């Protein structure tokens, strides 16, 4: 079993930045690819970004060039740097591990003036 705990969310103005962190309760090296998903009100959960154990990254078209995913295998952390945030980025963001398709509890990100 693994627990994923997100932090770093909140309210930010359009154009601003946030950095989400995900702390895992065990070594992430054995969890396979790690990622971030999000779910906006009334919408389905969608992929935001993933990073493999070999640091190969993949991004949704809507966030390419604005978001950066990274992982720190030594400290069992995964990050999502979000720049130039837009109102349409407002959602609950979930950390995800490929291992057993595990999600964290989610954290709210609100982009509004």
C-alpha atoms as a PDB file:
ATOM      1  CA  UNK A   1       0.000   0.000   0.000  1.00  0.00           C
ATOM      2  CA  UNK A   2       1.130   3.555  -0.629  1.00  0.00           C
ATOM      3  CA  UNK A   3      -0.246   6.903   0.465  1.00  0.00           C
ATOM      4  CA  UNK A   4       0.176  10.012  -1.656  1.00  0.00           C
ATOM      5  CA  UNK A   5      -0.284  13.418  -0.010  1.00  0.00           C
ATOM      6  CA  UNK A   6      -0.544  16.602  -2.074  1.00  0.00           C
ATOM      7  CA  UNK A   7       0.313  20.109  -0.890  1.00  0.00           C
ATOM      8  CA  UNK A   8       0.883  23.566  -2.330  1.00  0.00           C
ATOM      9  CA  UNK A   9      -2.523  24.341  -3.760  1.00  0.00           C
ATOM     10  CA  UNK A  10      -4.553  27.487  -3.191  1.00  0.00           C
ATOM     11  CA  UNK A  11      -5.878  30.633  -4.803  1.00  0.00           C
ATOM     12  CA  UNK A  12      -3.787  32.479  -7.386  1.00  0.00           C
ATOM     13  CA  UNK A  13      -4.464  35.244  -9.882  1.00  0.00           C
ATOM     14  CA  UNK A  14      -4.348  34.596 -13.633  1.00  0.00           C
ATOM     15  CA  UNK A  15      -0.769  34.641 -14.836  1.00  0.00           C
ATOM     16  CA  UNK A  16       0.521  33.545 -11.471  1.00  0.00           C
ATOM     17  CA  UNK A  17       2.413  30.428 -10.418  1.00  0.00           C
ATOM     18  CA  UNK A  18       2.022  27.573  -7.976  1.00  0.00           C
ATOM     19  CA  UNK A  19       4.115  24.545  -7.159  1.00  0.00           C
ATOM     20  CA  UNK A  20       2.331  21.377  -6.148  1.00  0.00           C
ATOM     21  CA  UNK A  21       4.147  18.738  -4.150  1.00  0.00           C
ATOM     22  CA  UNK A  22       3.301  15.077  -3.655  1.00  0.00           C
ATOM     23  CA  UNK A  23       4.828  13.116  -0.798  1.00  0.00           C
ATOM     24  CA  UNK A  24       4.751   9.328  -1.008  1.00  0.00           C
ATOM     25  CA  UNK A  25       4.733   7.036   2.016  1.00  0.00           C
ATOM     26  CA  UNK A  26       7.260   4.709   0.374  1.00  0.00           C
ATOM     27  CA  UNK A  27       9.931   4.758  -2.280  1.00  0.00           C
ATOM     28  CA  UNK A  28       8.554   6.139  -5.527  1.00  0.00           C
ATOM     29  CA  UNK A  29      11.175   4.344  -7.584  1.00  0.00           C
ATOM     30  CA  UNK A  30       9.146   1.179  -7.246  1.00  0.00           C
ATOM     31  CA  UNK A  31       5.861   2.879  -8.088  1.00  0.00           C
ATOM     32  CA  UNK A  32       6.494   3.197 -11.816  1.00  0.00           C
ATOM     33  CA  UNK A  33       5.438   6.339 -13.599  1.00  0.00           C
ATOM     34  CA  UNK A  34       4.152   9.177 -11.431  1.00  0.00           C
ATOM     35  CA  UNK A  35       1.733  11.818 -12.562  1.00  0.00           C
ATOM     36  CA  UNK A  36      -0.758  14.548 -11.914  1.00  0.00           C
ATOM     37  CA  UNK A  37      -4.405  14.507 -12.873  1.00  0.00           C
ATOM     38  CA  UNK A  38      -7.089  17.129 -12.353  1.00  0.00           C
ATOM     39  CA  UNK A  39     -10.845  17.310 -12.197  1.00  0.00           C
ATOM     40  CA  UNK A  40     -12.822  20.492 -12.698  1.00  0.00           C
ATOM     41  CA  UNK A  41     -16.436  20.839 -11.504  1.00  0.00           C
ATOM     42  CA  UNK A  42     -18.785  18.979 -13.810  1.00  0.00           C
ATOM     43  CA  UNK A  43     -15.948  17.460 -15.812  1.00  0.00           C
ATOM     44  CA  UNK A  44     -14.174  14.140 -15.895  1.00  0.00           C
ATOM     45  CA  UNK A  45     -10.764  13.626 -14.374  1.00  0.00           C
ATOM     46  CA  UNK A  46      -8.030  14.294 -16.934  1.00  0.00           C
ATOM     47  CA  UNK A  47      -4.343  13.688 -17.264  1.00  0.00           C
ATOM     48  CA  UNK A  48      -2.125  16.722 -16.693  1.00  0.00           C
ATOM     49  CA  UNK A  49       1.401  15.297 -16.797  1.00  0.00           C
ATOM     50  CA  UNK A  50       3.390  12.135 -16.162  1.00  0.00           C
ATOM     51  CA  UNK A  51       7.040  11.324 -15.521  1.00  0.00           C
ATOM     52  CA  UNK A  52       8.580   7.868 -15.818  1.00  0.00           C
ATOM     53  CA  UNK A  53      11.330   6.407 -13.659  1.00  0.00           C
ATOM     54  CA  UNK A  54      13.713   7.432 -16.447  1.00  0.00           C
ATOM     55  CA  UNK A  55      12.454  11.038 -16.262  1.00  0.00           C
ATOM     56  CA  UNK A  56      10.592  10.883 -19.547  1.00  0.00           C
ATOM     57  CA  UNK A  57       7.762  13.377 -19.341  1.00  0.00           C
ATOM     58  CA  UNK A  58       4.415  13.714 -21.041  1.00  0.00           C
ATOM     59  CA  UNK A  59       1.975  16.639 -20.893  1.00  0.00           C
ATOM     60  CA  UNK A  60      -1.572  17.417 -21.846  1.00  0.00           C
ATOM     61  CA  UNK A  61      -1.644  19.827 -24.768  1.00  0.00           C
ATOM     62  CA  UNK A  62      -3.453  22.396 -22.615  1.00  0.00           C
ATOM     63  CA  UNK A  63      -0.503  22.724 -20.209  1.00  0.00           C
ATOM     64  CA  UNK A  64       2.515  22.254 -22.487  1.00  0.00           C
ATOM     65  CA  UNK A  65       4.989  25.075 -22.088  1.00  0.00           C
ATOM     66  CA  UNK A  66       3.409  26.212 -18.814  1.00  0.00           C
ATOM     67  CA  UNK A  67       3.651  23.226 -16.451  1.00  0.00           C
ATOM     68  CA  UNK A  68       6.684  21.150 -15.519  1.00  0.00           C
ATOM     69  CA  UNK A  69       6.574  17.800 -13.752  1.00  0.00           C
ATOM     70  CA  UNK A  70       9.555  16.389 -11.888  1.00  0.00           C
ATOM     71  CA  UNK A  71      10.330  13.609  -9.459  1.00  0.00           C
ATOM     72  CA  UNK A  72      12.879  13.264  -6.663  1.00  0.00           C
ATOM     73  CA  UNK A  73      13.431   9.570  -6.133  1.00  0.00           C
ATOM     74  CA  UNK A  74      15.785  10.216  -3.227  1.00  0.00           C
ATOM     75  CA  UNK A  75      13.120  12.003  -1.196  1.00  0.00           C
ATOM     76  CA  UNK A  76      10.066  10.218  -2.613  1.00  0.00           C
ATOM     77  CA  UNK A  77       8.562  13.433  -3.912  1.00  0.00           C
ATOM     78  CA  UNK A  78       6.832  14.475  -7.124  1.00  0.00           C
ATOM     79  CA  UNK A  79       6.334  18.098  -8.129  1.00  0.00           C
ATOM     80  CA  UNK A  80       4.237  20.080 -10.561  1.00  0.00           C
ATOM     81  CA  UNK A  81       5.444  23.593 -11.301  1.00  0.00           C
ATOM     82  CA  UNK A  82       2.578  25.565 -12.798  1.00  0.00           C
ATOM     83  CA  UNK A  83       3.300  28.907 -14.471  1.00  0.00           C
ATOM     84  CA  UNK A  84       1.115  31.367 -16.337  1.00  0.00           C
ATOM     85  CA  UNK A  85      -1.971  29.894 -14.725  1.00  0.00           C
ATOM     86  CA  UNK A  86      -5.328  30.435 -16.375  1.00  0.00           C
ATOM     87  CA  UNK A  87      -8.874  30.320 -14.953  1.00  0.00           C
ATOM     88  CA  UNK A  88      -9.448  27.081 -16.874  1.00  0.00           C
ATOM     89  CA  UNK A  89      -6.707  25.452 -14.777  1.00  0.00           C
ATOM     90  CA  UNK A  90      -9.038  25.640 -11.777  1.00  0.00           C
ATOM     91  CA  UNK A  91      -9.590  22.094 -10.540  1.00  0.00           C
ATOM     92  CA  UNK A  92      -8.799  19.564  -7.868  1.00  0.00           C
ATOM     93  CA  UNK A  93      -5.350  18.191  -8.630  1.00  0.00           C
ATOM     94  CA  UNK A  94      -4.470  14.597  -7.802  1.00  0.00           C
ATOM     95  CA  UNK A  95      -1.103  12.938  -7.504  1.00  0.00           C
ATOM     96  CA  UNK A  96      -1.027   9.521  -9.159  1.00  0.00           C
ATOM     97  CA  UNK A  97       1.185   6.452  -9.063  1.00  0.00           C
ATOM     98  CA  UNK A  98       1.170   3.823 -11.795  1.00  0.00           C
ATOM     99  CA  UNK A  99       1.494   1.152  -9.100  1.00  0.00           C
ATOM    100  CA  UNK A 100      -2.010  -0.156  -8.469  1.00  0.00           C
ATOM    101  CA  UNK A 101      -3.408   3.004 -10.069  1.00  0.00           C
ATOM    102  CA  UNK A 102      -3.111   4.919  -6.798  1.00  0.00           C
ATOM    103  CA  UNK A 103      -4.387   8.481  -6.296  1.00  0.00           C
ATOM    104  CA  UNK A 104      -3.878  10.971  -3.492  1.00  0.00           C
ATOM    105  CA  UNK A 105      -6.793  12.736  -1.830  1.00  0.00           C
ATOM    106  CA  UNK A 106      -6.492  15.778  -4.086  1.00  0.00           C
ATOM    107  CA  UNK A 107      -5.848  19.465  -3.556  1.00  0.00           C
ATOM    108  CA  UNK A 108      -7.752  22.496  -4.790  1.00  0.00           C
ATOM    109  CA  UNK A 109      -6.188  24.971  -7.209  1.00  0.00           C
ATOM    110  CA  UNK A 110      -8.245  28.062  -7.984  1.00  0.00           C
ATOM    111  CA  UNK A 111      -7.189  30.623 -10.565  1.00  0.00           C
ATOM    112  CA  UNK A 112      -9.241  33.780 -10.254  1.00  0.00           C
ATOM    113  CA  UNK A 113      -8.890  37.527 -10.030  1.00  0.00           C
END
